[in-house]
PDB file of N, CA and C in Angstrom:
ATOM      1  N   MET A   1     110.809 102.217 126.100  1.00  0.00           N
ATOM      2  CA  MET A   1     109.875 101.613 125.453  1.00  0.00           C
ATOM      3  C   MET A   1     110.258 102.328 124.009  1.00  0.00           C
ATOM      4  N   ILE A   2     110.237 100.944 122.856  1.00  0.00           N
ATOM      5  CA  ILE A   2     110.348 101.626 121.764  1.00  0.00           C
ATOM      6  C   ILE A   2     108.637 102.107 121.199  1.00  0.00           C
ATOM      7  N   PRO A   3     108.408 103.241 120.628  1.00  0.00           N
ATOM      8  CA  PRO A   3     107.725 103.752 119.843  1.00  0.00           C
ATOM      9  C   PRO A   3     106.734 102.648 118.914  1.00  0.00           C
ATOM     10  N   GLU A   4     105.831 102.348 118.690  1.00  0.00           N
ATOM     11  CA  GLU A   4     105.268 101.440 117.543  1.00  0.00           C
ATOM     12  C   GLU A   4     105.530 101.489 116.555  1.00  0.00           C
ATOM     13  N   ARG A   5     105.835 102.846 116.138  1.00  0.00           N
ATOM     14  CA  ARG A   5     106.404 102.795 114.543  1.00  0.00           C
ATOM     15  C   ARG A   5     107.343 102.154 114.303  1.00  0.00           C
ATOM     16  N   ARG A   6     108.217 102.537 115.248  1.00  0.00           N
ATOM     17  CA  ARG A   6     109.931 101.534 115.180  1.00  0.00           C
ATOM     18  C   ARG A   6     109.720 100.205 114.753  1.00  0.00           C
ATOM     19  N   ILE A   7     108.805  99.552 115.410  1.00  0.00           N
ATOM     20  CA  ILE A   7     108.474  97.829 115.287  1.00  0.00           C
ATOM     21  C   ILE A   7     107.885  97.710 113.987  1.00  0.00           C
ATOM     22  N   LEU A   8     107.053  98.630 113.580  1.00  0.00           N
ATOM     23  CA  LEU A   8     106.722  98.552 112.304  1.00  0.00           C
ATOM     24  C   LEU A   8     107.410  98.501 110.967  1.00  0.00           C
ATOM     25  N   THR A   9     108.743  98.799 111.164  1.00  0.00           N
ATOM     26  CA  THR A   9     109.358  99.143 109.726  1.00  0.00           C
ATOM     27  C   THR A   9     109.867  98.084 109.224  1.00  0.00           C
ATOM     28  N   GLY A  10     109.828  98.265 107.672  1.00  0.00           N
ATOM     29  CA  GLY A  10     110.070  97.312 106.927  1.00  0.00           C
ATOM     30  C   GLY A  10     109.601  97.684 105.780  1.00  0.00           C
ATOM     31  N   VAL A  11     110.185  97.219 104.137  1.00  0.00           N
ATOM     32  CA  VAL A  11     110.001  97.951 103.314  1.00  0.00           C
ATOM     33  C   VAL A  11     109.265  96.603 102.081  1.00  0.00           C
ATOM     34  N   ILE A  12     108.385  96.822 101.709  1.00  0.00           N
ATOM     35  CA  ILE A  12     107.766  95.617 100.587  1.00  0.00           C
ATOM     36  C   ILE A  12     108.747  95.732  99.696  1.00  0.00           C
ATOM     37  N   ASP A  13     108.951  94.473  99.362  1.00  0.00           N
ATOM     38  CA  ASP A  13     110.082  93.786  98.553  1.00  0.00           C
ATOM     39  C   ASP A  13     109.881  94.476  97.147  1.00  0.00           C
ATOM     40  N   ASP A  14     109.036  94.647  96.524  1.00  0.00           N
ATOM     41  CA  ASP A  14     109.481  94.974  95.265  1.00  0.00           C
ATOM     42  C   ASP A  14     109.611  96.485  95.357  1.00  0.00           C
ATOM     43  N   ILE A  15     109.210  97.359  96.225  1.00  0.00           N
ATOM     44  CA  ILE A  15     109.353  98.663  96.643  1.00  0.00           C
ATOM     45  C   ILE A  15     110.773  98.927  96.698  1.00  0.00           C
ATOM     46  N   LYS A  16     111.657  97.922  98.021  1.00  0.00           N
ATOM     47  CA  LYS A  16     113.299  97.678  98.039  1.00  0.00           C
ATOM     48  C   LYS A  16     113.815  97.742  96.768  1.00  0.00           C
ATOM     49  N   LYS A  17     113.400  96.396  96.226  1.00  0.00           N
ATOM     50  CA  LYS A  17     114.101  96.511  94.882  1.00  0.00           C
ATOM     51  C   LYS A  17     114.842  97.546  94.198  1.00  0.00           C
ATOM     52  N   ARG A  18     113.366  98.506  94.027  1.00  0.00           N
ATOM     53  CA  ARG A  18     113.405  99.415  93.093  1.00  0.00           C
ATOM     54  C   ARG A  18     113.829 100.767  93.685  1.00  0.00           C
ATOM     55  N   ALA A  19     113.677 100.443  95.119  1.00  0.00           N
ATOM     56  CA  ALA A  19     114.463 101.495  95.672  1.00  0.00           C
ATOM     57  C   ALA A  19     116.045 101.899  95.796  1.00  0.00           C
ATOM     58  N   ARG A  20     116.433 100.180  96.146  1.00  0.00           N
ATOM     59  CA  ARG A  20     118.177  99.908  96.032  1.00  0.00           C
ATOM     60  C   ARG A  20     118.465 100.441  94.148  1.00  0.00           C
ATOM     61  N   HIS A  21     117.606  99.918  93.756  1.00  0.00           N
ATOM     62  CA  HIS A  21     117.655 100.273  92.194  1.00  0.00           C
ATOM     63  C   HIS A  21     118.277 101.545  91.984  1.00  0.00           C
ATOM     64  N   ARG A  22     117.285 102.603  92.254  1.00  0.00           N
ATOM     65  CA  ARG A  22     117.407 104.038  91.954  1.00  0.00           C
ATOM     66  C   ARG A  22     118.916 104.319  92.697  1.00  0.00           C
ATOM     67  N   THR A  23     118.975 103.701  94.171  1.00  0.00           N
ATOM     68  CA  THR A  23     120.255 104.232  94.771  1.00  0.00           C
ATOM     69  C   THR A  23     121.605 104.285  94.258  1.00  0.00           C
ATOM     70  N   SER A  24     121.484 102.839  93.977  1.00  0.00           N
ATOM     71  CA  SER A  24     122.622 102.720  92.237  1.00  0.00           C
ATOM     72  C   SER A  24     122.803 103.771  92.219  1.00  0.00           C
ATOM     73  N   ILE A  25     121.701 103.917  90.937  1.00  0.00           N
ATOM     74  CA  ILE A  25     121.753 104.956  89.609  1.00  0.00           C
ATOM     75  C   ILE A  25     122.127 106.236  90.341  1.00  0.00           C
ATOM     76  N   LEU A  26     121.770 106.754  91.239  1.00  0.00           N
ATOM     77  CA  LEU A  26     122.029 107.667  91.967  1.00  0.00           C
ATOM     78  C   LEU A  26     123.862 107.981  92.216  1.00  0.00           C
ATOM     79  N   GLU A  27     124.170 106.913  92.908  1.00  0.00           N
ATOM     80  CA  GLU A  27     125.419 106.736  93.067  1.00  0.00           C
ATOM     81  C   GLU A  27     126.103 107.496  91.661  1.00  0.00           C
ATOM     82  N   GLY A  28     126.252 106.847  90.857  1.00  0.00           N
ATOM     83  CA  GLY A  28     126.564 106.790  89.224  1.00  0.00           C
ATOM     84  C   GLY A  28     126.594 108.201  89.361  1.00  0.00           C
ATOM     85  N   GLN A  29     125.046 108.683  89.324  1.00  0.00           N
ATOM     86  CA  GLN A  29     125.374 110.216  89.190  1.00  0.00           C
ATOM     87  C   GLN A  29     126.152 111.096  89.597  1.00  0.00           C
ATOM     88  N   LEU A  30     125.934 111.013  91.033  1.00  0.00           N
ATOM     89  CA  LEU A  30     126.442 111.544  91.420  1.00  0.00           C
ATOM     90  C   LEU A  30     128.262 111.596  91.455  1.00  0.00           C
ATOM     91  N   ARG A  31     128.977 110.843  91.284  1.00  0.00           N
ATOM     92  CA  ARG A  31     130.128 110.887  91.242  1.00  0.00           C
ATOM     93  C   ARG A  31     130.797 111.099  89.706  1.00  0.00           C
ATOM     94  N   GLY A  32     129.844 111.121  88.565  1.00  0.00           N
ATOM     95  CA  GLY A  32     129.624 111.725  87.630  1.00  0.00           C
ATOM     96  C   GLY A  32     129.456 113.440  87.445  1.00  0.00           C
ATOM     97  N   LEU A  33     128.772 113.876  88.213  1.00  0.00           N
ATOM     98  CA  LEU A  33     129.067 115.651  88.386  1.00  0.00           C
ATOM     99  C   LEU A  33     130.094 115.640  89.326  1.00  0.00           C
ATOM    100  N   ALA A  34     130.866 115.192  90.178  1.00  0.00           N
ATOM    101  CA  ALA A  34     131.825 115.402  90.803  1.00  0.00           C
ATOM    102  C   ALA A  34     132.836 115.821  90.309  1.00  0.00           C
ATOM    103  N   LYS A  35     132.781 114.575  89.065  1.00  0.00           N
ATOM    104  CA  LYS A  35     133.906 114.483  87.955  1.00  0.00           C
ATOM    105  C   LYS A  35     133.706 115.769  87.287  1.00  0.00           C
ATOM    106  N   MET A  36     132.613 115.791  86.946  1.00  0.00           N
ATOM    107  CA  MET A  36     132.378 116.960  86.259  1.00  0.00           C
ATOM    108  C   MET A  36     132.664 118.070  86.284  1.00  0.00           C
ATOM    109  N   ILE A  37     132.180 118.544  87.797  1.00  0.00           N
ATOM    110  CA  ILE A  37     132.897 119.749  88.419  1.00  0.00           C
ATOM    111  C   ILE A  37     134.121 119.806  88.686  1.00  0.00           C
ATOM    112  N   GLU A  38     135.400 118.182  89.012  1.00  0.00           N
ATOM    113  CA  GLU A  38     136.683 118.231  89.109  1.00  0.00           C
ATOM    114  C   GLU A  38     136.899 118.888  87.410  1.00  0.00           C
ATOM    115  N   ASN A  39     136.432 118.391  86.683  1.00  0.00           N
ATOM    116  CA  ASN A  39     137.331 118.471  85.244  1.00  0.00           C
ATOM    117  C   ASN A  39     136.601 120.114  84.879  1.00  0.00           C
ATOM    118  N   GLU A  40     135.866 121.056  85.403  1.00  0.00           N
ATOM    119  CA  GLU A  40     135.457 121.868  85.387  1.00  0.00           C
ATOM    120  C   GLU A  40     134.676 122.011  83.548  1.00  0.00           C
ATOM    121  N   ASP A  41     133.594 120.655  83.371  1.00  0.00           N
ATOM    122  CA  ASP A  41     132.755 121.445  82.268  1.00  0.00           C
ATOM    123  C   ASP A  41     131.857 122.500  82.225  1.00  0.00           C
ATOM    124  N   TYR A  42     131.529 121.807  81.402  1.00  0.00           N
ATOM    125  CA  TYR A  42     130.353 123.320  81.044  1.00  0.00           C
ATOM    126  C   TYR A  42     129.354 123.575  82.008  1.00  0.00           C
ATOM    127  N   CYS A  43     128.925 124.724  82.835  1.00  0.00           N
ATOM    128  CA  CYS A  43     127.915 124.992  83.673  1.00  0.00           C
ATOM    129  C   CYS A  43     126.940 124.423  83.195  1.00  0.00           C
ATOM    130  N   MET A  44     126.275 124.317  82.554  1.00  0.00           N
ATOM    131  CA  MET A  44     124.716 124.137  81.776  1.00  0.00           C
ATOM    132  C   MET A  44     124.895 122.479  82.221  1.00  0.00           C
ATOM    133  N   ASP A  45     126.117 121.873  81.091  1.00  0.00           N
ATOM    134  CA  ASP A  45     126.415 120.135  81.316  1.00  0.00           C
ATOM    135  C   ASP A  45     125.997 120.157  82.777  1.00  0.00           C
ATOM    136  N   ILE A  46     126.724 120.471  83.795  1.00  0.00           N
ATOM    137  CA  ILE A  46     126.740 120.202  85.424  1.00  0.00           C
ATOM    138  C   ILE A  46     125.423 120.327  85.677  1.00  0.00           C
ATOM    139  N   ILE A  47     124.677 121.503  85.311  1.00  0.00           N
ATOM    140  CA  ILE A  47     123.323 122.058  86.116  1.00  0.00           C
ATOM    141  C   ILE A  47     122.692 120.660  85.126  1.00  0.00           C
ATOM    142  N   GLY A  48     122.553 120.393  84.283  1.00  0.00           N
ATOM    143  CA  GLY A  48     121.611 119.524  83.633  1.00  0.00           C
ATOM    144  C   GLY A  48     121.621 118.090  84.288  1.00  0.00           C
ATOM    145  N   GLN A  49     123.424 117.727  84.619  1.00  0.00           N
ATOM    146  CA  GLN A  49     123.243 116.386  85.782  1.00  0.00           C
ATOM    147  C   GLN A  49     122.772 116.793  87.168  1.00  0.00           C
ATOM    148  N   SER A  50     122.924 117.727  87.637  1.00  0.00           N
ATOM    149  CA  SER A  50     122.386 118.446  88.911  1.00  0.00           C
ATOM    150  C   SER A  50     120.728 117.638  88.884  1.00  0.00           C
ATOM    151  N   ARG A  51     120.010 118.448  87.729  1.00  0.00           N
ATOM    152  CA  ARG A  51     118.827 118.205  88.153  1.00  0.00           C
ATOM    153  C   ARG A  51     118.496 116.604  87.538  1.00  0.00           C
ATOM    154  N   ALA A  52     118.664 116.333  86.534  1.00  0.00           N
ATOM    155  CA  ALA A  52     118.932 114.490  86.641  1.00  0.00           C
ATOM    156  C   ALA A  52     118.750 114.393  87.989  1.00  0.00           C
ATOM    157  N   ILE A  53     119.605 114.453  88.940  1.00  0.00           N
ATOM    158  CA  ILE A  53     119.913 114.030  89.955  1.00  0.00           C
ATOM    159  C   ILE A  53     118.698 114.419  90.975  1.00  0.00           C
ATOM    160  N   GLN A  54     118.366 115.271  91.379  1.00  0.00           N
ATOM    161  CA  GLN A  54     117.242 115.516  91.508  1.00  0.00           C
ATOM    162  C   GLN A  54     116.086 115.296  91.158  1.00  0.00           C
ATOM    163  N   LYS A  55     115.658 115.211  89.861  1.00  0.00           N
ATOM    164  CA  LYS A  55     114.577 113.991  89.502  1.00  0.00           C
ATOM    165  C   LYS A  55     114.819 112.580  90.177  1.00  0.00           C
ATOM    166  N   ALA A  56     115.920 111.828  89.848  1.00  0.00           N
ATOM    167  CA  ALA A  56     115.946 111.023  90.546  1.00  0.00           C
ATOM    168  C   ALA A  56     115.753 110.343  91.623  1.00  0.00           C
ATOM    169  N   LEU A  57     116.137 111.709  92.787  1.00  0.00           N
ATOM    170  CA  LEU A  57     115.634 111.615  94.257  1.00  0.00           C
ATOM    171  C   LEU A  57     114.479 112.078  94.588  1.00  0.00           C
ATOM    172  N   ALA A  58     113.881 112.278  94.208  1.00  0.00           N
ATOM    173  CA  ALA A  58     112.220 112.703  93.823  1.00  0.00           C
ATOM    174  C   ALA A  58     111.832 111.569  93.516  1.00  0.00           C
ATOM    175  N   SER A  59     111.999 110.724  92.258  1.00  0.00           N
ATOM    176  CA  SER A  59     111.244 109.271  92.103  1.00  0.00           C
ATOM    177  C   SER A  59     111.814 108.374  93.364  1.00  0.00           C
ATOM    178  N   LEU A  60     112.767 108.579  93.629  1.00  0.00           N
ATOM    179  CA  LEU A  60     112.941 107.917  95.202  1.00  0.00           C
ATOM    180  C   LEU A  60     111.982 107.938  96.283  1.00  0.00           C
ATOM    181  N   ASP A  61     111.852 109.110  96.262  1.00  0.00           N
ATOM    182  CA  ASP A  61     110.911 109.738  97.222  1.00  0.00           C
ATOM    183  C   ASP A  61     109.315 109.108  97.180  1.00  0.00           C
ATOM    184  N   LYS A  62     109.073 109.406  95.716  1.00  0.00           N
ATOM    185  CA  LYS A  62     107.843 108.858  95.795  1.00  0.00           C
ATOM    186  C   LYS A  62     107.735 107.643  95.801  1.00  0.00           C
ATOM    187  N   LEU A  63     108.808 106.822  95.747  1.00  0.00           N
ATOM    188  CA  LEU A  63     108.826 104.909  96.431  1.00  0.00           C
ATOM    189  C   LEU A  63     108.586 104.543  97.974  1.00  0.00           C
ATOM    190  N   LEU A  64     109.396 105.275  98.436  1.00  0.00           N
ATOM    191  CA  LEU A  64     109.583 105.532 100.020  1.00  0.00           C
ATOM    192  C   LEU A  64     108.234 105.991 100.413  1.00  0.00           C
ATOM    193  N   ILE A  65     107.105 106.974 100.125  1.00  0.00           N
ATOM    194  CA  ILE A  65     106.713 107.862 100.406  1.00  0.00           C
ATOM    195  C   ILE A  65     104.976 106.178 100.324  1.00  0.00           C
ATOM    196  N   GLU A  66     104.947 105.849  99.108  1.00  0.00           N
ATOM    197  CA  GLU A  66     104.529 104.773  98.714  1.00  0.00           C
ATOM    198  C   GLU A  66     104.427 103.628  99.783  1.00  0.00           C
ATOM    199  N   ASN A  67     105.590 103.120 100.085  1.00  0.00           N
ATOM    200  CA  ASN A  67     105.953 102.475 100.969  1.00  0.00           C
ATOM    201  C   ASN A  67     105.594 102.666 102.660  1.00  0.00           C
ATOM    202  N   HIS A  68     105.698 103.795 102.808  1.00  0.00           N
ATOM    203  CA  HIS A  68     104.727 104.450 104.032  1.00  0.00           C
ATOM    204  C   HIS A  68     103.574 104.306 104.352  1.00  0.00           C
ATOM    205  N   LEU A  69     103.061 104.879 103.177  1.00  0.00           N
ATOM    206  CA  LEU A  69     101.485 104.819 103.049  1.00  0.00           C
ATOM    207  C   LEU A  69     101.359 103.487 103.257  1.00  0.00           C
ATOM    208  N   ARG A  70     101.073 102.162 101.714  1.00  0.00           N
ATOM    209  CA  ARG A  70     100.815 101.502 102.626  1.00  0.00           C
ATOM    210  C   ARG A  70     101.289 100.221 103.430  1.00  0.00           C
ATOM    211  N   THR A  71     102.331 100.582 104.237  1.00  0.00           N
ATOM    212  CA  THR A  71     102.899 100.106 105.370  1.00  0.00           C
ATOM    213  C   THR A  71     102.077 100.300 106.501  1.00  0.00           C
ATOM    214  N   HIS A  72     103.184 101.457 107.017  1.00  0.00           N
ATOM    215  CA  HIS A  72     103.286 102.387 108.383  1.00  0.00           C
ATOM    216  C   HIS A  72     101.710 102.600 108.949  1.00  0.00           C
ATOM    217  N   VAL A  73     101.553 104.006 107.314  1.00  0.00           N
ATOM    218  CA  VAL A  73      99.763 104.796 107.398  1.00  0.00           C
ATOM    219  C   VAL A  73      98.620 104.237 107.627  1.00  0.00           C
ATOM    220  N   ALA A  74      98.807 103.037 107.238  1.00  0.00           N
ATOM    221  CA  ALA A  74      97.742 102.447 106.624  1.00  0.00           C
ATOM    222  C   ALA A  74      97.477 101.539 108.453  1.00  0.00           C
ATOM    223  N   HIS A  75      98.228 101.020 109.029  1.00  0.00           N
ATOM    224  CA  HIS A  75      98.293 100.361 110.687  1.00  0.00           C
ATOM    225  C   HIS A  75      97.777 101.691 111.754  1.00  0.00           C
ATOM    226  N   MET A  76      98.782 102.854 111.178  1.00  0.00           N
ATOM    227  CA  MET A  76      98.334 103.888 111.865  1.00  0.00           C
ATOM    228  C   MET A  76      97.204 104.811 111.395  1.00  0.00           C
ATOM    229  N   PHE A  77      95.993 104.502 110.790  1.00  0.00           N
ATOM    230  CA  PHE A  77      94.683 104.573 110.273  1.00  0.00           C
ATOM    231  C   PHE A  77      93.748 103.713 110.817  1.00  0.00           C
ATOM    232  N   ASP A  78      94.142 102.536 111.097  1.00  0.00           N
ATOM    233  CA  ASP A  78      93.381 101.845 111.203  1.00  0.00           C
ATOM    234  C   ASP A  78      93.189 101.613 112.525  1.00  0.00           C
ATOM    235  N   SER A  79      94.302 102.055 113.466  1.00  0.00           N
ATOM    236  CA  SER A  79      94.640 102.240 114.769  1.00  0.00           C
ATOM    237  C   SER A  79      93.948 103.082 115.469  1.00  0.00           C
ATOM    238  N   GLY A  80      93.804 104.324 114.544  1.00  0.00           N
ATOM    239  CA  GLY A  80      93.241 105.694 115.251  1.00  0.00           C
ATOM    240  C   GLY A  80      93.179 106.697 116.182  1.00  0.00           C
ATOM    241  N   GLY A  81      93.108 107.194 116.574  1.00  0.00           N
ATOM    242  CA  GLY A  81      93.453 108.679 117.636  1.00  0.00           C
ATOM    243  C   GLY A  81      95.054 108.845 117.468  1.00  0.00           C
ATOM    244  N   GLU A  82      95.133 109.156 118.083  1.00  0.00           N
ATOM    245  CA  GLU A  82      96.638 109.320 118.318  1.00  0.00           C
ATOM    246  C   GLU A  82      97.661 108.775 117.100  1.00  0.00           C
ATOM    247  N   GLU A  83      97.926 107.585 116.755  1.00  0.00           N
ATOM    248  CA  GLU A  83      98.457 106.790 115.744  1.00  0.00           C
ATOM    249  C   GLU A  83      97.988 107.410 114.604  1.00  0.00           C
ATOM    250  N   ARG A  84      96.448 108.158 114.143  1.00  0.00           N
ATOM    251  CA  ARG A  84      96.212 108.596 113.398  1.00  0.00           C
ATOM    252  C   ARG A  84      96.370 109.912 112.906  1.00  0.00           C
ATOM    253  N   GLU A  85      96.711 110.953 114.030  1.00  0.00           N
ATOM    254  CA  GLU A  85      97.168 112.039 113.896  1.00  0.00           C
ATOM    255  C   GLU A  85      98.548 112.313 113.770  1.00  0.00           C
ATOM    256  N   ARG A  86      98.903 111.021 114.168  1.00  0.00           N
ATOM    257  CA  ARG A  86     100.878 111.233 113.923  1.00  0.00           C
ATOM    258  C   ARG A  86     101.098 110.727 112.481  1.00  0.00           C
ATOM    259  N   ALA A  87     100.313 109.627 111.633  1.00  0.00           N
ATOM    260  CA  ALA A  87     100.490 109.214 110.157  1.00  0.00           C
ATOM    261  C   ALA A  87     100.270 110.941 109.913  1.00  0.00           C
ATOM    262  N   ILE A  88      98.994 111.581 109.847  1.00  0.00           N
ATOM    263  CA  ILE A  88      99.275 112.854 109.297  1.00  0.00           C
ATOM    264  C   ILE A  88      99.787 113.990 109.518  1.00  0.00           C
ATOM    265  N   ALA A  89     100.530 114.410 110.771  1.00  0.00           N
ATOM    266  CA  ALA A  89     101.554 115.149 111.063  1.00  0.00           C
ATOM    267  C   ALA A  89     102.964 114.461 110.250  1.00  0.00           C
ATOM    268  N   GLU A  90     103.066 113.100 110.181  1.00  0.00           N
ATOM    269  CA  GLU A  90     104.068 112.588 109.185  1.00  0.00           C
ATOM    270  C   GLU A  90     104.129 112.966 107.770  1.00  0.00           C
ATOM    271  N   MET A  91     102.948 112.788 107.266  1.00  0.00           N
ATOM    272  CA  MET A  91     102.789 113.158 105.759  1.00  0.00           C
ATOM    273  C   MET A  91     102.763 114.956 105.563  1.00  0.00           C
ATOM    274  N   LEU A  92     102.176 115.448 106.292  1.00  0.00           N
ATOM    275  CA  LEU A  92     102.278 116.515 105.805  1.00  0.00           C
ATOM    276  C   LEU A  92     103.677 117.139 105.981  1.00  0.00           C
ATOM    277  N   LYS A  93     104.662 116.568 106.772  1.00  0.00           N
ATOM    278  CA  LYS A  93     105.959 116.617 106.983  1.00  0.00           C
ATOM    279  C   LYS A  93     107.012 116.459 106.118  1.00  0.00           C
ATOM    280  N   ALA A  94     106.161 115.346 105.495  1.00  0.00           N
ATOM    281  CA  ALA A  94     106.699 114.403 104.366  1.00  0.00           C
ATOM    282  C   ALA A  94     106.974 115.335 102.968  1.00  0.00           C
ATOM    283  N   TYR A  95     105.319 116.056 103.169  1.00  0.00           N
ATOM    284  CA  TYR A  95     105.100 116.887 101.770  1.00  0.00           C
ATOM    285  C   TYR A  95     105.593 118.428 102.238  1.00  0.00           C
ATOM    286  N   ASP A  96     106.388 118.657 103.190  1.00  0.00           N
ATOM    287  CA  ASP A  96     106.568 120.003 103.776  1.00  0.00           C
ATOM    288  C   ASP A  96     105.437 120.686 103.859  1.00  0.00           C
ATOM    289  N   PHE A  97     104.342 120.329 104.237  1.00  0.00           N
ATOM    290  CA  PHE A  97     103.815 121.493 104.858  1.00  0.00           C
ATOM    291  C   PHE A  97     103.398 121.632 105.967  1.00  0.00           C
ATOM    292  N   GLU A  98     104.066 120.949 106.611  1.00  0.00           N
ATOM    293  CA  GLU A  98     104.284 121.419 108.688  1.00  0.00           C
ATOM    294  C   GLU A  98     104.160 122.018 108.812  1.00  0.00           C
ATOM    295  N   GLY A  99     105.332 123.301 107.932  1.00  0.00           N
ATOM    296  CA  GLY A  99     105.333 124.661 109.005  1.00  0.00           C
ATOM    297  C   GLY A  99     104.543 125.665 107.866  1.00  0.00           C
ATOM    298  N   ARG A 100     103.768 125.386 107.137  1.00  0.00           N
ATOM    299  CA  ARG A 100     102.995 126.879 106.707  1.00  0.00           C
ATOM    300  C   ARG A 100     101.876 126.939 106.918  1.00  0.00           C
TER     301      ARG A 100
END
């Protein structure tokens, strides 16, 4: 049997559009970073590019979390019981609080 969370997959259209745009930007940034390393650019410039990529990934994460909250988590909380607890566990995992 397929778990319910798989059935509810989907991305809100606006979030999908913005997320795809951000992934395109990230692809370019990663290619640029690889080129900088290959060209043996100044270390601080490479680090600056790496930090920009990390910020872009964090921005993408925020979009994906927003989508998850607005779709799956909302439904899971409405369902209550085990579904609600699973939603809480997923959010703790997403924010890396689970093992602390």
